[in-house]
Amino acid sequence: MRVSTNTPETDENAQWLTQEAYDRLKAELEHLSGPGRQEIVDRIEAAREEGDLKENGGYHAAKEEQGKAEARIRYLTDLLENAYVGEAPADDGVVEPGMQVTAKIADNEMTFLFGNREIAGDSDLDVYSKDSPIGQAIDGAKEGDTLSYTAPNGKDIPVEIVSVKPFTG
């Protein structure tokens, strides 16, 4: 597994990850593509031995789990191959991946992580990516900036950036 030498500034596909997030995801990938994959294969084989596959709930559940696991393996492989692993962004009040943002959005104050869901780990923070409508609007904004974005329903939503600080997990 290689870590991309690209940075989010030089490669739009590069996803910024903390070293902790990268290590956690790499361990998950190693488990899923090794022992995790074998556990599912063993469950499928055991269910197959029970007979009629048409009415075998255990077989169908194991096959569905296998599909989800394979999709997660593909996702993690791509993410980790294109990851930019580095220190948290500077505490300079600028919205960029890895920052925890507090904003008034349509007069409702909310705090969220800007970047990739995988950075948040077990946190219950909402996460907005650079590719989301709000993410595209606030990327590069600074504390105190007022702007708006167009929601999927076509409405313009006002946003005021209240605070921006590095996400600490």
C-alpha atoms as a PDB file:
ATOM      1  CA  MET A   1       0.000   0.000   0.000  1.00  0.00           C
ATOM      2  CA  ARG A   2       1.446   3.352  -0.938  1.00  0.00           C
ATOM      3  CA  VAL A   3       0.531   6.777   0.298  1.00  0.00           C
ATOM      4  CA  SER A   4       0.077   9.312  -2.457  1.00  0.00           C
ATOM      5  CA  THR A   5       2.771  11.953  -2.717  1.00  0.00           C
ATOM      6  CA  ASN A   6       0.109  14.298  -3.992  1.00  0.00           C
ATOM      7  CA  THR A   7      -1.472  16.817  -1.716  1.00  0.00           C
ATOM      8  CA  PRO A   8      -5.046  18.057  -1.696  1.00  0.00           C
ATOM      9  CA  GLU A   9      -3.705  21.208  -3.362  1.00  0.00           C
ATOM     10  CA  THR A  10      -2.120  19.321  -6.280  1.00  0.00           C
ATOM     11  CA  ASP A  11      -4.562  16.458  -6.755  1.00  0.00           C
ATOM     12  CA  GLU A  12      -8.305  16.930  -6.433  1.00  0.00           C
ATOM     13  CA  ASN A  13      -8.713  13.183  -5.697  1.00  0.00           C
ATOM     14  CA  ALA A  14      -6.325  13.330  -2.733  1.00  0.00           C
ATOM     15  CA  GLN A  15      -8.125  12.963   0.595  1.00  0.00           C
ATOM     16  CA  TRP A  16      -6.436  14.372   3.665  1.00  0.00           C
ATOM     17  CA  LEU A  17      -6.235  11.936   6.572  1.00  0.00           C
ATOM     18  CA  THR A  18      -4.590  12.121   9.956  1.00  0.00           C
ATOM     19  CA  GLN A  19      -1.962   9.484  10.650  1.00  0.00           C
ATOM     20  CA  GLU A  20      -4.330   7.963  13.226  1.00  0.00           C
ATOM     21  CA  ALA A  21      -7.174   7.713  10.689  1.00  0.00           C
ATOM     22  CA  TYR A  22      -4.831   6.260   8.056  1.00  0.00           C
ATOM     23  CA  ASP A  23      -3.513   3.618  10.482  1.00  0.00           C
ATOM     24  CA  ARG A  24      -7.033   2.715  11.660  1.00  0.00           C
ATOM     25  CA  LEU A  25      -8.304   2.346   8.089  1.00  0.00           C
ATOM     26  CA  LYS A  26      -5.256   0.366   6.998  1.00  0.00           C
ATOM     27  CA  ALA A  27      -5.813  -2.077   9.884  1.00  0.00           C
ATOM     28  CA  GLU A  28      -9.493  -2.382   8.917  1.00  0.00           C
ATOM     29  CA  LEU A  29      -8.531  -3.086   5.300  1.00  0.00           C
ATOM     30  CA  GLU A  30      -5.998  -5.723   6.348  1.00  0.00           C
ATOM     31  CA  HIS A  31      -8.628  -7.446   8.507  1.00  0.00           C
ATOM     32  CA  LEU A  32     -11.361  -7.277   5.856  1.00  0.00           C
ATOM     33  CA  SER A  33      -9.151  -8.572   3.076  1.00  0.00           C
ATOM     34  CA  GLY A  34      -7.581 -11.298   5.246  1.00  0.00           C
ATOM     35  CA  PRO A  35      -9.314 -12.945   8.201  1.00  0.00           C
ATOM     36  CA  GLY A  36     -12.579 -11.063   7.667  1.00  0.00           C
ATOM     37  CA  ARG A  37     -12.889 -12.309   4.112  1.00  0.00           C
ATOM     38  CA  GLN A  38     -12.124 -15.873   5.198  1.00  0.00           C
ATOM     39  CA  GLU A  39     -14.764 -15.743   7.972  1.00  0.00           C
ATOM     40  CA  ILE A  40     -17.414 -14.818   5.405  1.00  0.00           C
ATOM     41  CA  VAL A  41     -16.276 -17.538   2.993  1.00  0.00           C
ATOM     42  CA  ASP A  42     -16.482 -20.070   5.847  1.00  0.00           C
ATOM     43  CA  ARG A  43     -20.045 -18.917   6.706  1.00  0.00           C
ATOM     44  CA  ILE A  44     -21.103 -19.192   3.059  1.00  0.00           C
ATOM     45  CA  GLU A  45     -19.643 -22.691   2.837  1.00  0.00           C
ATOM     46  CA  ALA A  46     -21.337 -23.789   6.070  1.00  0.00           C
ATOM     47  CA  ALA A  47     -24.691 -22.417   4.876  1.00  0.00           C
ATOM     48  CA  ARG A  48     -24.227 -24.094   1.492  1.00  0.00           C
ATOM     49  CA  GLU A  49     -23.847 -27.449   3.231  1.00  0.00           C
ATOM     50  CA  GLU A  50     -27.283 -26.985   4.827  1.00  0.00           C
ATOM     51  CA  GLY A  51     -28.920 -27.752   1.493  1.00  0.00           C
ATOM     52  CA  ASP A  52     -31.509 -25.859  -0.563  1.00  0.00           C
ATOM     53  CA  LEU A  53     -30.008 -22.410  -1.253  1.00  0.00           C
ATOM     54  CA  LYS A  54     -33.317 -20.859  -2.371  1.00  0.00           C
ATOM     55  CA  GLU A  55     -34.714 -20.879   1.152  1.00  0.00           C
ATOM     56  CA  ASN A  56     -31.464 -20.658   3.079  1.00  0.00           C
ATOM     57  CA  GLY A  57     -31.531 -17.348   4.970  1.00  0.00           C
ATOM     58  CA  GLY A  58     -28.041 -17.855   6.406  1.00  0.00           C
ATOM     59  CA  TYR A  59     -26.585 -18.304   2.929  1.00  0.00           C
ATOM     60  CA  HIS A  60     -28.265 -15.180   1.554  1.00  0.00           C
ATOM     61  CA  ALA A  61     -27.248 -13.115   4.600  1.00  0.00           C
ATOM     62  CA  ALA A  62     -23.626 -14.257   4.267  1.00  0.00           C
ATOM     63  CA  LYS A  63     -23.607 -13.467   0.531  1.00  0.00           C
ATOM     64  CA  GLU A  64     -25.003  -9.988   1.241  1.00  0.00           C
ATOM     65  CA  GLU A  65     -22.370  -9.443   3.928  1.00  0.00           C
ATOM     66  CA  GLN A  66     -19.716 -10.567   1.447  1.00  0.00           C
ATOM     67  CA  GLY A  67     -20.893  -7.966  -1.076  1.00  0.00           C
ATOM     68  CA  LYS A  68     -20.769  -5.192   1.525  1.00  0.00           C
ATOM     69  CA  ALA A  69     -17.316  -6.272   2.694  1.00  0.00           C
ATOM     70  CA  GLU A  70     -15.968  -6.352  -0.869  1.00  0.00           C
ATOM     71  CA  ALA A  71     -17.367  -2.859  -1.529  1.00  0.00           C
ATOM     72  CA  ARG A  72     -15.713  -1.581   1.668  1.00  0.00           C
ATOM     73  CA  ILE A  73     -12.411  -3.199   0.613  1.00  0.00           C
ATOM     74  CA  ARG A  74     -12.560  -1.413  -2.757  1.00  0.00           C
ATOM     75  CA  TYR A  75     -13.431   1.900  -1.090  1.00  0.00           C
ATOM     76  CA  LEU A  76     -10.641   1.639   1.498  1.00  0.00           C
ATOM     77  CA  THR A  77      -8.078   0.552  -1.096  1.00  0.00           C
ATOM     78  CA  ASP A  78      -8.865   3.569  -3.270  1.00  0.00           C
ATOM     79  CA  LEU A  79      -8.989   5.976  -0.329  1.00  0.00           C
ATOM     80  CA  LEU A  80      -5.692   4.823   1.148  1.00  0.00           C
ATOM     81  CA  GLU A  81      -3.910   4.772  -2.211  1.00  0.00           C
ATOM     82  CA  ASN A  82      -4.904   8.389  -2.818  1.00  0.00           C
ATOM     83  CA  ALA A  83      -4.599   9.617   0.759  1.00  0.00           C
ATOM     84  CA  TYR A  84      -2.528  12.560   1.779  1.00  0.00           C
ATOM     85  CA  VAL A  85      -1.424  11.804   5.325  1.00  0.00           C
ATOM     86  CA  GLY A  86      -0.227  14.728   7.326  1.00  0.00           C
ATOM     87  CA  GLU A  87      -0.496  16.948  10.297  1.00  0.00           C
ATOM     88  CA  ALA A  88      -3.707  18.742  11.091  1.00  0.00           C
ATOM     89  CA  PRO A  89      -4.126  21.970   9.164  1.00  0.00           C
ATOM     90  CA  ALA A  90      -2.836  25.174  10.730  1.00  0.00           C
ATOM     91  CA  ASP A  91      -5.093  26.897  13.245  1.00  0.00           C
ATOM     92  CA  ASP A  92      -5.526  29.909  10.978  1.00  0.00           C
ATOM     93  CA  GLY A  93      -9.316  30.203  10.811  1.00  0.00           C
ATOM     94  CA  VAL A  94      -9.518  29.010   7.191  1.00  0.00           C
ATOM     95  CA  VAL A  95     -11.978  26.279   6.213  1.00  0.00           C
ATOM     96  CA  GLU A  96     -10.078  23.324   4.741  1.00  0.00           C
ATOM     97  CA  PRO A  97     -10.218  19.530   5.129  1.00  0.00           C
ATOM     98  CA  GLY A  98      -9.583  18.480   8.712  1.00  0.00           C
ATOM     99  CA  MET A  99     -11.164  21.559  10.274  1.00  0.00           C
ATOM    100  CA  GLN A 100     -14.048  21.626  12.733  1.00  0.00           C
ATOM    101  CA  VAL A 101     -16.377  24.384  11.604  1.00  0.00           C
ATOM    102  CA  THR A 102     -19.096  26.153  13.547  1.00  0.00           C
ATOM    103  CA  ALA A 103     -21.450  28.037  11.254  1.00  0.00           C
ATOM    104  CA  LYS A 104     -24.843  29.663  11.283  1.00  0.00           C
ATOM    105  CA  ILE A 105     -26.685  27.984   8.451  1.00  0.00           C
ATOM    106  CA  ALA A 106     -30.100  29.509   7.752  1.00  0.00           C
ATOM    107  CA  ASP A 107     -30.050  30.973  11.303  1.00  0.00           C
ATOM    108  CA  ASN A 108     -29.279  27.575  12.917  1.00  0.00           C
ATOM    109  CA  GLU A 109     -25.845  27.234  14.487  1.00  0.00           C
ATOM    110  CA  MET A 110     -24.185  23.894  13.899  1.00  0.00           C
ATOM    111  CA  THR A 111     -20.726  22.386  14.299  1.00  0.00           C
ATOM    112  CA  PHE A 112     -19.363  19.864  11.812  1.00  0.00           C
ATOM    113  CA  LEU A 113     -16.181  18.395  10.427  1.00  0.00           C
ATOM    114  CA  PHE A 114     -15.085  19.537   6.996  1.00  0.00           C
ATOM    115  CA  GLY A 115     -13.389  16.728   5.083  1.00  0.00           C
ATOM    116  CA  ASN A 116     -13.728  12.967   4.895  1.00  0.00           C
ATOM    117  CA  ARG A 117     -16.082  10.938   7.130  1.00  0.00           C
ATOM    118  CA  GLU A 118     -13.202   8.597   7.927  1.00  0.00           C
ATOM    119  CA  ILE A 119     -11.315  11.360   9.764  1.00  0.00           C
ATOM    120  CA  ALA A 120     -14.121  11.616  12.303  1.00  0.00           C
ATOM    121  CA  GLY A 121     -13.752   8.001  13.457  1.00  0.00           C
ATOM    122  CA  ASP A 122     -16.228   7.353  16.273  1.00  0.00           C
ATOM    123  CA  SER A 123     -17.171  11.019  16.619  1.00  0.00           C
ATOM    124  CA  ASP A 124     -20.849  11.844  16.216  1.00  0.00           C
ATOM    125  CA  LEU A 125     -20.064  15.069  14.351  1.00  0.00           C
ATOM    126  CA  ASP A 126     -21.766  15.613  11.026  1.00  0.00           C
ATOM    127  CA  VAL A 127     -19.267  15.650   8.164  1.00  0.00           C
ATOM    128  CA  TYR A 128     -19.399  17.694   4.968  1.00  0.00           C
ATOM    129  CA  SER A 129     -17.009  16.923   2.132  1.00  0.00           C
ATOM    130  CA  LYS A 130     -15.469  19.381  -0.294  1.00  0.00           C
ATOM    131  CA  ASP A 131     -17.785  17.949  -2.952  1.00  0.00           C
ATOM    132  CA  SER A 132     -21.043  18.670  -1.106  1.00  0.00           C
ATOM    133  CA  PRO A 133     -22.946  21.863  -1.990  1.00  0.00           C
ATOM    134  CA  ILE A 134     -22.102  23.458   1.353  1.00  0.00           C
ATOM    135  CA  GLY A 135     -18.527  22.147   1.135  1.00  0.00           C
ATOM    136  CA  GLN A 136     -17.965  23.777  -2.237  1.00  0.00           C
ATOM    137  CA  ALA A 137     -19.270  27.072  -0.869  1.00  0.00           C
ATOM    138  CA  ILE A 138     -17.249  27.203   2.344  1.00  0.00           C
ATOM    139  CA  ASP A 139     -13.934  25.698   1.163  1.00  0.00           C
ATOM    140  CA  GLY A 140     -11.339  28.433   1.760  1.00  0.00           C
ATOM    141  CA  ALA A 141     -13.721  30.701   3.676  1.00  0.00           C
ATOM    142  CA  LYS A 142     -12.539  32.379   6.886  1.00  0.00           C
ATOM    143  CA  GLU A 143     -14.032  33.009  10.302  1.00  0.00           C
ATOM    144  CA  GLY A 144     -16.522  35.861  10.026  1.00  0.00           C
ATOM    145  CA  ASP A 145     -17.222  35.311   6.312  1.00  0.00           C
ATOM    146  CA  THR A 146     -20.841  35.396   5.195  1.00  0.00           C
ATOM    147  CA  LEU A 147     -21.774  33.542   2.037  1.00  0.00           C
ATOM    148  CA  SER A 148     -24.480  31.312   0.637  1.00  0.00           C
ATOM    149  CA  TYR A 149     -24.854  28.058  -1.221  1.00  0.00           C
ATOM    150  CA  THR A 150     -27.549  26.578  -3.376  1.00  0.00           C
ATOM    151  CA  ALA A 151     -29.254  23.603  -1.742  1.00  0.00           C
ATOM    152  CA  PRO A 152     -30.313  20.604  -3.838  1.00  0.00           C
ATOM    153  CA  ASN A 153     -33.870  21.990  -3.805  1.00  0.00           C
ATOM    154  CA  GLY A 154     -32.643  25.173  -5.535  1.00  0.00           C
ATOM    155  CA  LYS A 155     -32.919  27.503  -2.538  1.00  0.00           C
ATOM    156  CA  ASP A 156     -30.086  29.822  -1.569  1.00  0.00           C
ATOM    157  CA  ILE A 157     -29.029  29.099   2.004  1.00  0.00           C
ATOM    158  CA  PRO A 158     -27.139  31.808   3.940  1.00  0.00           C
ATOM    159  CA  VAL A 159     -24.023  30.715   5.872  1.00  0.00           C
ATOM    160  CA  GLU A 160     -21.940  32.648   8.390  1.00  0.00           C
ATOM    161  CA  ILE A 161     -18.659  31.052   9.452  1.00  0.00           C
ATOM    162  CA  VAL A 162     -18.507  31.497  13.235  1.00  0.00           C
ATOM    163  CA  SER A 163     -15.327  29.557  14.097  1.00  0.00           C
ATOM    164  CA  VAL A 164     -12.839  27.262  12.425  1.00  0.00           C
ATOM    165  CA  LYS A 165     -10.323  25.126  14.308  1.00  0.00           C
ATOM    166  CA  PRO A 166      -8.369  21.938  13.646  1.00  0.00           C
ATOM    167  CA  PHE A 167     -10.345  18.764  14.414  1.00  0.00           C
ATOM    168  CA  THR A 168      -8.747  16.928  17.318  1.00  0.00           C
ATOM    169  CA  GLY A 169     -10.914  13.827  17.350  1.00  0.00           C
END
